[in-house]
Amino acid sequence: MSTYTAPHRAPVKLKHRPRRTATLIAIVSLLFVSLLAASRSPIHAAPASNPIFATIDYVQNAISTALAPIQSAIADLQTQQAN
């Protein structure tokens, strides 16, 4: 009687990435790491050299000026109600 032997598989070849794909992966990885490093570093802006701060100050002053008569009227009504 003959014995059964399982067929042998051919050895699996390791697939090698093309050079273009490896270069693209390296570039994307470096870009991601550099963006991550740049996002963690604090940014300091001087109010004198940043026009956004001047705009915010202007808007806050305009709001305070517009609300001043309303706030004084509320204060007057509160004093009248207290008396």
PDB file of N, CA and C in Angstrom:
ATOM      1  N   MET A   1       0.827  -1.162   0.000  1.00  0.00           N
ATOM      2  CA  MET A   1       0.000   0.000   0.000  1.00  0.00           C
ATOM      3  C   MET A   1       0.888   1.248   0.000  1.00  0.00           C
ATOM      4  N   SER A   2       0.509   2.251  -0.798  1.00  0.00           N
ATOM      5  CA  SER A   2       1.336   3.454  -0.875  1.00  0.00           C
ATOM      6  C   SER A   2       0.862   4.482   0.142  1.00  0.00           C
ATOM      7  N   THR A   3       1.787   5.276   0.645  1.00  0.00           N
ATOM      8  CA  THR A   3       1.425   6.301   1.631  1.00  0.00           C
ATOM      9  C   THR A   3       1.151   7.624   0.922  1.00  0.00           C
ATOM     10  N   TYR A   4       0.223   8.363   1.524  1.00  0.00           N
ATOM     11  CA  TYR A   4      -0.158   9.657   0.944  1.00  0.00           C
ATOM     12  C   TYR A   4       0.833  10.723   1.380  1.00  0.00           C
ATOM     13  N   THR A   5       1.290  11.510   0.453  1.00  0.00           N
ATOM     14  CA  THR A   5       2.161  12.647   0.778  1.00  0.00           C
ATOM     15  C   THR A   5       1.492  13.916   0.257  1.00  0.00           C
ATOM     16  N   ALA A   6       1.444  14.923   1.132  1.00  0.00           N
ATOM     17  CA  ALA A   6       0.817  16.203   0.770  1.00  0.00           C
ATOM     18  C   ALA A   6       1.689  16.936  -0.233  1.00  0.00           C
ATOM     19  N   PRO A   7       1.064  17.605  -1.171  1.00  0.00           N
ATOM     20  CA  PRO A   7       1.862  18.359  -2.135  1.00  0.00           C
ATOM     21  C   PRO A   7       2.585  19.516  -1.439  1.00  0.00           C
ATOM     22  N   HIS A   8       3.769  19.810  -1.867  1.00  0.00           N
ATOM     23  CA  HIS A   8       4.554  20.882  -1.275  1.00  0.00           C
ATOM     24  C   HIS A   8       4.247  22.197  -1.970  1.00  0.00           C
ATOM     25  N   ARG A   9       4.155  23.240  -1.170  1.00  0.00           N
ATOM     26  CA  ARG A   9       3.925  24.561  -1.730  1.00  0.00           C
ATOM     27  C   ARG A   9       5.243  25.172  -2.165  1.00  0.00           C
ATOM     28  N   ALA A  10       5.141  26.020  -3.119  1.00  0.00           N
ATOM     29  CA  ALA A  10       6.331  26.760  -3.537  1.00  0.00           C
ATOM     30  C   ALA A  10       6.641  27.791  -2.467  1.00  0.00           C
ATOM     31  N   PRO A  11       7.900  28.102  -2.201  1.00  0.00           N
ATOM     32  CA  PRO A  11       8.219  29.110  -1.180  1.00  0.00           C
ATOM     33  C   PRO A  11       7.616  30.466  -1.548  1.00  0.00           C
ATOM     34  N   VAL A  12       7.125  31.149  -0.524  1.00  0.00           N
ATOM     35  CA  VAL A  12       6.479  32.444  -0.724  1.00  0.00           C
ATOM     36  C   VAL A  12       7.555  33.498  -0.941  1.00  0.00           C
ATOM     37  N   LYS A  13       7.417  34.237  -2.022  1.00  0.00           N
ATOM     38  CA  LYS A  13       8.365  35.306  -2.299  1.00  0.00           C
ATOM     39  C   LYS A  13       7.886  36.582  -1.593  1.00  0.00           C
ATOM     40  N   LEU A  14       8.798  37.269  -0.960  1.00  0.00           N
ATOM     41  CA  LEU A  14       8.461  38.535  -0.332  1.00  0.00           C
ATOM     42  C   LEU A  14       8.307  39.596  -1.408  1.00  0.00           C
ATOM     43  N   LYS A  15       7.210  40.326  -1.306  1.00  0.00           N
ATOM     44  CA  LYS A  15       6.972  41.373  -2.290  1.00  0.00           C
ATOM     45  C   LYS A  15       7.786  42.604  -1.909  1.00  0.00           C
ATOM     46  N   HIS A  16       8.444  43.155  -2.860  1.00  0.00           N
ATOM     47  CA  HIS A  16       9.275  44.327  -2.638  1.00  0.00           C
ATOM     48  C   HIS A  16       8.547  45.546  -3.190  1.00  0.00           C
ATOM     49  N   ARG A  17       8.478  46.617  -2.378  1.00  0.00           N
ATOM     50  CA  ARG A  17       7.830  47.837  -2.834  1.00  0.00           C
ATOM     51  C   ARG A  17       8.666  48.509  -3.916  1.00  0.00           C
ATOM     52  N   PRO A  18       7.988  49.079  -4.875  1.00  0.00           N
ATOM     53  CA  PRO A  18       8.735  49.846  -5.871  1.00  0.00           C
ATOM     54  C   PRO A  18       9.400  51.060  -5.218  1.00  0.00           C
ATOM     55  N   ARG A  19      10.463  51.519  -5.803  1.00  0.00           N
ATOM     56  CA  ARG A  19      11.213  52.638  -5.252  1.00  0.00           C
ATOM     57  C   ARG A  19      10.345  53.891  -5.159  1.00  0.00           C
ATOM     58  N   ARG A  20       9.477  54.100  -6.122  1.00  0.00           N
ATOM     59  CA  ARG A  20       8.615  55.286  -6.133  1.00  0.00           C
ATOM     60  C   ARG A  20       7.664  55.280  -4.937  1.00  0.00           C
ATOM     61  N   THR A  21       7.103  54.113  -4.622  1.00  0.00           N
ATOM     62  CA  THR A  21       6.193  53.998  -3.485  1.00  0.00           C
ATOM     63  C   THR A  21       6.940  54.228  -2.177  1.00  0.00           C
ATOM     64  N   ALA A  22       8.126  53.673  -2.044  1.00  0.00           N
ATOM     65  CA  ALA A  22       8.914  53.857  -0.831  1.00  0.00           C
ATOM     66  C   ALA A  22       9.291  55.317  -0.648  1.00  0.00           C
ATOM     67  N   THR A  23       9.627  55.999  -1.722  1.00  0.00           N
ATOM     68  CA  THR A  23       9.965  57.420  -1.646  1.00  0.00           C
ATOM     69  C   THR A  23       8.750  58.241  -1.241  1.00  0.00           C
ATOM     70  N   LEU A  24       7.599  57.926  -1.808  1.00  0.00           N
ATOM     71  CA  LEU A  24       6.372  58.647  -1.476  1.00  0.00           C
ATOM     72  C   LEU A  24       6.005  58.452  -0.011  1.00  0.00           C
ATOM     73  N   ILE A  25       6.138  57.241   0.485  1.00  0.00           N
ATOM     74  CA  ILE A  25       5.844  56.978   1.906  1.00  0.00           C
ATOM     75  C   ILE A  25       6.804  57.759   2.801  1.00  0.00           C
ATOM     76  N   ALA A  26       8.070  57.816   2.436  1.00  0.00           N
ATOM     77  CA  ALA A  26       9.053  58.559   3.231  1.00  0.00           C
ATOM     78  C   ALA A  26       8.737  60.050   3.230  1.00  0.00           C
ATOM     79  N   ILE A  27       8.373  60.597   2.090  1.00  0.00           N
ATOM     80  CA  ILE A  27       8.066  62.033   2.010  1.00  0.00           C
ATOM     81  C   ILE A  27       6.828  62.367   2.826  1.00  0.00           C
ATOM     82  N   VAL A  28       5.787  61.564   2.709  1.00  0.00           N
ATOM     83  CA  VAL A  28       4.555  61.810   3.472  1.00  0.00           C
ATOM     84  C   VAL A  28       4.826  61.689   4.964  1.00  0.00           C
ATOM     85  N   SER A  29       5.623  60.720   5.365  1.00  0.00           N
ATOM     86  CA  SER A  29       5.945  60.561   6.785  1.00  0.00           C
ATOM     87  C   SER A  29       6.727  61.757   7.319  1.00  0.00           C
ATOM     88  N   LEU A  30       7.717  62.214   6.570  1.00  0.00           N
ATOM     89  CA  LEU A  30       8.487  63.384   7.002  1.00  0.00           C
ATOM     90  C   LEU A  30       7.622  64.630   7.074  1.00  0.00           C
ATOM     91  N   LEU A  31       6.723  64.795   6.123  1.00  0.00           N
ATOM     92  CA  LEU A  31       5.823  65.944   6.138  1.00  0.00           C
ATOM     93  C   LEU A  31       4.914  65.902   7.359  1.00  0.00           C
ATOM     94  N   PHE A  32       4.383  64.718   7.658  1.00  0.00           N
ATOM     95  CA  PHE A  32       3.516  64.579   8.820  1.00  0.00           C
ATOM     96  C   PHE A  32       4.263  64.878  10.115  1.00  0.00           C
ATOM     97  N   VAL A  33       5.463  64.364  10.250  1.00  0.00           N
ATOM     98  CA  VAL A  33       6.255  64.591  11.463  1.00  0.00           C
ATOM     99  C   VAL A  33       6.620  66.069  11.595  1.00  0.00           C
ATOM    100  N   SER A  34       6.987  66.715  10.492  1.00  0.00           N
ATOM    101  CA  SER A  34       7.342  68.136  10.574  1.00  0.00           C
ATOM    102  C   SER A  34       6.131  68.996  10.907  1.00  0.00           C
ATOM    103  N   LEU A  35       4.953  68.667  10.377  1.00  0.00           N
ATOM    104  CA  LEU A  35       3.748  69.407  10.734  1.00  0.00           C
ATOM    105  C   LEU A  35       3.384  69.191  12.193  1.00  0.00           C
ATOM    106  N   LEU A  36       3.568  67.994  12.674  1.00  0.00           N
ATOM    107  CA  LEU A  36       3.287  67.708  14.078  1.00  0.00           C
ATOM    108  C   LEU A  36       4.232  68.487  14.987  1.00  0.00           C
ATOM    109  N   ALA A  37       5.496  68.547  14.629  1.00  0.00           N
ATOM    110  CA  ALA A  37       6.466  69.302  15.432  1.00  0.00           C
ATOM    111  C   ALA A  37       6.173  70.796  15.384  1.00  0.00           C
ATOM    112  N   ALA A  38       5.772  71.303  14.240  1.00  0.00           N
ATOM    113  CA  ALA A  38       5.484  72.731  14.112  1.00  0.00           C
ATOM    114  C   ALA A  38       4.224  73.117  14.874  1.00  0.00           C
ATOM    115  N   SER A  39       3.269  72.216  14.958  1.00  0.00           N
ATOM    116  CA  SER A  39       2.024  72.546  15.650  1.00  0.00           C
ATOM    117  C   SER A  39       2.198  72.558  17.162  1.00  0.00           C
ATOM    118  N   ARG A  40       3.212  71.897  17.659  1.00  0.00           N
ATOM    119  CA  ARG A  40       3.427  71.866  19.104  1.00  0.00           C
ATOM    120  C   ARG A  40       4.226  73.059  19.620  1.00  0.00           C
ATOM    121  N   SER A  41       4.937  73.743  18.755  1.00  0.00           N
ATOM    122  CA  SER A  41       5.733  74.873  19.224  1.00  0.00           C
ATOM    123  C   SER A  41       4.828  76.094  19.411  1.00  0.00           C
ATOM    124  N   PRO A  42       4.957  76.790  20.555  1.00  0.00           N
ATOM    125  CA  PRO A  42       4.092  77.940  20.806  1.00  0.00           C
ATOM    126  C   PRO A  42       4.439  79.111  19.893  1.00  0.00           C
ATOM    127  N   ILE A  43       3.431  79.866  19.561  1.00  0.00           N
ATOM    128  CA  ILE A  43       3.611  81.040  18.713  1.00  0.00           C
ATOM    129  C   ILE A  43       3.307  82.268  19.560  1.00  0.00           C
ATOM    130  N   HIS A  44       4.242  83.192  19.586  1.00  0.00           N
ATOM    131  CA  HIS A  44       4.067  84.415  20.350  1.00  0.00           C
ATOM    132  C   HIS A  44       3.963  85.587  19.390  1.00  0.00           C
ATOM    133  N   ALA A  45       2.884  86.326  19.502  1.00  0.00           N
ATOM    134  CA  ALA A  45       2.699  87.491  18.644  1.00  0.00           C
ATOM    135  C   ALA A  45       2.600  88.733  19.520  1.00  0.00           C
ATOM    136  N   ALA A  46       3.359  89.720  19.192  1.00  0.00           N
ATOM    137  CA  ALA A  46       3.315  90.978  19.938  1.00  0.00           C
ATOM    138  C   ALA A  46       2.092  91.775  19.485  1.00  0.00           C
ATOM    139  N   PRO A  47       1.323  92.316  20.423  1.00  0.00           N
ATOM    140  CA  PRO A  47       0.144  93.083  20.033  1.00  0.00           C
ATOM    141  C   PRO A  47       0.473  94.278  19.146  1.00  0.00           C
ATOM    142  N   ALA A  48       1.651  94.855  19.310  1.00  0.00           N
ATOM    143  CA  ALA A  48       2.000  96.027  18.509  1.00  0.00           C
ATOM    144  C   ALA A  48       2.210  95.677  17.039  1.00  0.00           C
ATOM    145  N   SER A  49       2.683  94.470  16.775  1.00  0.00           N
ATOM    146  CA  SER A  49       2.969  94.102  15.399  1.00  0.00           C
ATOM    147  C   SER A  49       1.859  93.275  14.752  1.00  0.00           C
ATOM    148  N   ASN A  50       0.801  92.982  15.494  1.00  0.00           N
ATOM    149  CA  ASN A  50      -0.276  92.165  14.960  1.00  0.00           C
ATOM    150  C   ASN A  50      -1.534  93.014  14.813  1.00  0.00           C
ATOM    151  N   PRO A  51      -2.010  93.237  13.585  1.00  0.00           N
ATOM    152  CA  PRO A  51      -3.184  94.092  13.392  1.00  0.00           C
ATOM    153  C   PRO A  51      -4.467  93.496  13.940  1.00  0.00           C
ATOM    154  N   ILE A  52      -4.511  92.191  14.178  1.00  0.00           N
ATOM    155  CA  ILE A  52      -5.733  91.591  14.715  1.00  0.00           C
ATOM    156  C   ILE A  52      -5.974  92.075  16.139  1.00  0.00           C
ATOM    157  N   PHE A  53      -4.905  92.221  16.926  1.00  0.00           N
ATOM    158  CA  PHE A  53      -5.074  92.712  18.291  1.00  0.00           C
ATOM    159  C   PHE A  53      -5.635  94.128  18.284  1.00  0.00           C
ATOM    160  N   ALA A  54      -5.177  94.947  17.371  1.00  0.00           N
ATOM    161  CA  ALA A  54      -5.691  96.315  17.278  1.00  0.00           C
ATOM    162  C   ALA A  54      -7.170  96.293  16.927  1.00  0.00           C
ATOM    163  N   THR A  55      -7.578  95.401  16.063  1.00  0.00           N
ATOM    164  CA  THR A  55      -8.983  95.296  15.681  1.00  0.00           C
ATOM    165  C   THR A  55      -9.820  94.839  16.860  1.00  0.00           C
ATOM    166  N   ILE A  56      -9.324  93.876  17.628  1.00  0.00           N
ATOM    167  CA  ILE A  56     -10.063  93.387  18.794  1.00  0.00           C
ATOM    168  C   ILE A  56     -10.215  94.503  19.824  1.00  0.00           C
ATOM    169  N   ASP A  57      -9.149  95.258  20.061  1.00  0.00           N
ATOM    170  CA  ASP A  57      -9.237  96.385  20.998  1.00  0.00           C
ATOM    171  C   ASP A  57     -10.254  97.408  20.521  1.00  0.00           C
ATOM    172  N   TYR A  58     -10.253  97.698  19.230  1.00  0.00           N
ATOM    173  CA  TYR A  58     -11.195  98.666  18.677  1.00  0.00           C
ATOM    174  C   TYR A  58     -12.632  98.197  18.875  1.00  0.00           C
ATOM    175  N   VAL A  59     -12.886  96.922  18.605  1.00  0.00           N
ATOM    176  CA  VAL A  59     -14.244  96.389  18.743  1.00  0.00           C
ATOM    177  C   VAL A  59     -14.674  96.390  20.211  1.00  0.00           C
ATOM    178  N   GLN A  60     -13.772  96.004  21.116  1.00  0.00           N
ATOM    179  CA  GLN A  60     -14.128  96.011  22.537  1.00  0.00           C
ATOM    180  C   GLN A  60     -14.435  97.424  23.021  1.00  0.00           C
ATOM    181  N   ASN A  61     -13.654  98.394  22.573  1.00  0.00           N
ATOM    182  CA  ASN A  61     -13.919  99.785  22.954  1.00  0.00           C
ATOM    183  C   ASN A  61     -15.234 100.269  22.360  1.00  0.00           C
ATOM    184  N   ALA A  62     -15.540  99.896  21.140  1.00  0.00           N
ATOM    185  CA  ALA A  62     -16.797 100.306  20.517  1.00  0.00           C
ATOM    186  C   ALA A  62     -17.992  99.703  21.247  1.00  0.00           C
ATOM    187  N   ILE A  63     -17.868  98.448  21.661  1.00  0.00           N
ATOM    188  CA  ILE A  63     -18.953  97.809  22.409  1.00  0.00           C
ATOM    189  C   ILE A  63     -19.136  98.480  23.760  1.00  0.00           C
ATOM    190  N   SER A  64     -18.035  98.769  24.435  1.00  0.00           N
ATOM    191  CA  SER A  64     -18.133  99.440  25.739  1.00  0.00           C
ATOM    192  C   SER A  64     -18.765 100.815  25.598  1.00  0.00           C
ATOM    193  N   THR A  65     -18.391 101.554  24.565  1.00  0.00           N
ATOM    194  CA  THR A  65     -18.965 102.884  24.331  1.00  0.00           C
ATOM    195  C   THR A  65     -20.453 102.780  24.024  1.00  0.00           C
ATOM    196  N   ALA A  66     -20.855 101.781  23.265  1.00  0.00           N
ATOM    197  CA  ALA A  66     -22.264 101.626  22.925  1.00  0.00           C
ATOM    198  C   ALA A  66     -23.096 101.186  24.123  1.00  0.00           C
ATOM    199  N   LEU A  67     -22.517 100.391  25.011  1.00  0.00           N
ATOM    200  CA  LEU A  67     -23.262  99.890  26.164  1.00  0.00           C
ATOM    201  C   LEU A  67     -23.245 100.846  27.362  1.00  0.00           C
ATOM    202  N   ALA A  68     -22.390 101.834  27.348  1.00  0.00           N
ATOM    203  CA  ALA A  68     -22.272 102.744  28.494  1.00  0.00           C
ATOM    204  C   ALA A  68     -23.593 103.432  28.833  1.00  0.00           C
ATOM    205  N   PRO A  69     -24.334 104.013  27.872  1.00  0.00           N
ATOM    206  CA  PRO A  69     -25.615 104.641  28.238  1.00  0.00           C
ATOM    207  C   PRO A  69     -26.626 103.637  28.802  1.00  0.00           C
ATOM    208  N   ILE A  70     -26.641 102.434  28.277  1.00  0.00           N
ATOM    209  CA  ILE A  70     -27.577 101.417  28.768  1.00  0.00           C
ATOM    210  C   ILE A  70     -27.204 101.018  30.192  1.00  0.00           C
ATOM    211  N   GLN A  71     -25.920 100.852  30.452  1.00  0.00           N
ATOM    212  CA  GLN A  71     -25.480 100.475  31.795  1.00  0.00           C
ATOM    213  C   GLN A  71     -25.778 101.577  32.806  1.00  0.00           C
ATOM    214  N   SER A  72     -25.591 102.831  32.407  1.00  0.00           N
ATOM    215  CA  SER A  72     -25.905 103.928  33.337  1.00  0.00           C
ATOM    216  C   SER A  72     -27.404 104.029  33.569  1.00  0.00           C
ATOM    217  N   ALA A  73     -28.227 103.766  32.552  1.00  0.00           N
ATOM    218  CA  ALA A  73     -29.678 103.788  32.738  1.00  0.00           C
ATOM    219  C   ALA A  73     -30.115 102.664  33.672  1.00  0.00           C
ATOM    220  N   ILE A  74     -29.526 101.512  33.544  1.00  0.00           N
ATOM    221  CA  ILE A  74     -29.842 100.394  34.447  1.00  0.00           C
ATOM    222  C   ILE A  74     -29.441 100.744  35.873  1.00  0.00           C
ATOM    223  N   ALA A  75     -28.274 101.356  36.040  1.00  0.00           N
ATOM    224  CA  ALA A  75     -27.830 101.756  37.383  1.00  0.00           C
ATOM    225  C   ALA A  75     -28.781 102.785  37.976  1.00  0.00           C
ATOM    226  N   ASP A  76     -29.250 103.752  37.161  1.00  0.00           N
ATOM    227  CA  ASP A  76     -30.204 104.758  37.653  1.00  0.00           C
ATOM    228  C   ASP A  76     -31.521 104.108  38.062  1.00  0.00           C
ATOM    229  N   LEU A  77     -32.017 103.175  37.286  1.00  0.00           N
ATOM    230  CA  LEU A  77     -33.266 102.485  37.623  1.00  0.00           C
ATOM    231  C   LEU A  77     -33.116 101.674  38.904  1.00  0.00           C
ATOM    232  N   GLN A  78     -31.946 101.082  39.109  1.00  0.00           N
ATOM    233  CA  GLN A  78     -31.737 100.301  40.328  1.00  0.00           C
ATOM    234  C   GLN A  78     -31.716 101.210  41.549  1.00  0.00           C
ATOM    235  N   THR A  79     -31.105 102.389  41.427  1.00  0.00           N
ATOM    236  CA  THR A  79     -31.079 103.327  42.573  1.00  0.00           C
ATOM    237  C   THR A  79     -32.480 103.871  42.842  1.00  0.00           C
ATOM    238  N   GLN A  80     -33.269 104.107  41.787  1.00  0.00           N
ATOM    239  CA  GLN A  80     -34.647 104.603  41.991  1.00  0.00           C
ATOM    240  C   GLN A  80     -35.494 103.528  42.662  1.00  0.00           C
ATOM    241  N   GLN A  81     -35.290 102.282  42.285  1.00  0.00           N
ATOM    242  CA  GLN A  81     -36.075 101.196  42.868  1.00  0.00           C
ATOM    243  C   GLN A  81     -35.680 100.965  44.321  1.00  0.00           C
ATOM    244  N   ALA A  82     -34.415 101.179  44.643  1.00  0.00           N
ATOM    245  CA  ALA A  82     -33.947 100.975  46.004  1.00  0.00           C
ATOM    246  C   ALA A  82     -34.490 102.076  46.934  1.00  0.00           C
ATOM    247  N   ASN A  83     -34.739 103.280  46.396  1.00  0.00           N
ATOM    248  CA  ASN A  83     -35.239 104.385  47.231  1.00  0.00           C
ATOM    249  C   ASN A  83     -36.703 104.339  47.318  1.00  0.00           C
TER     250      ASN A  83
END
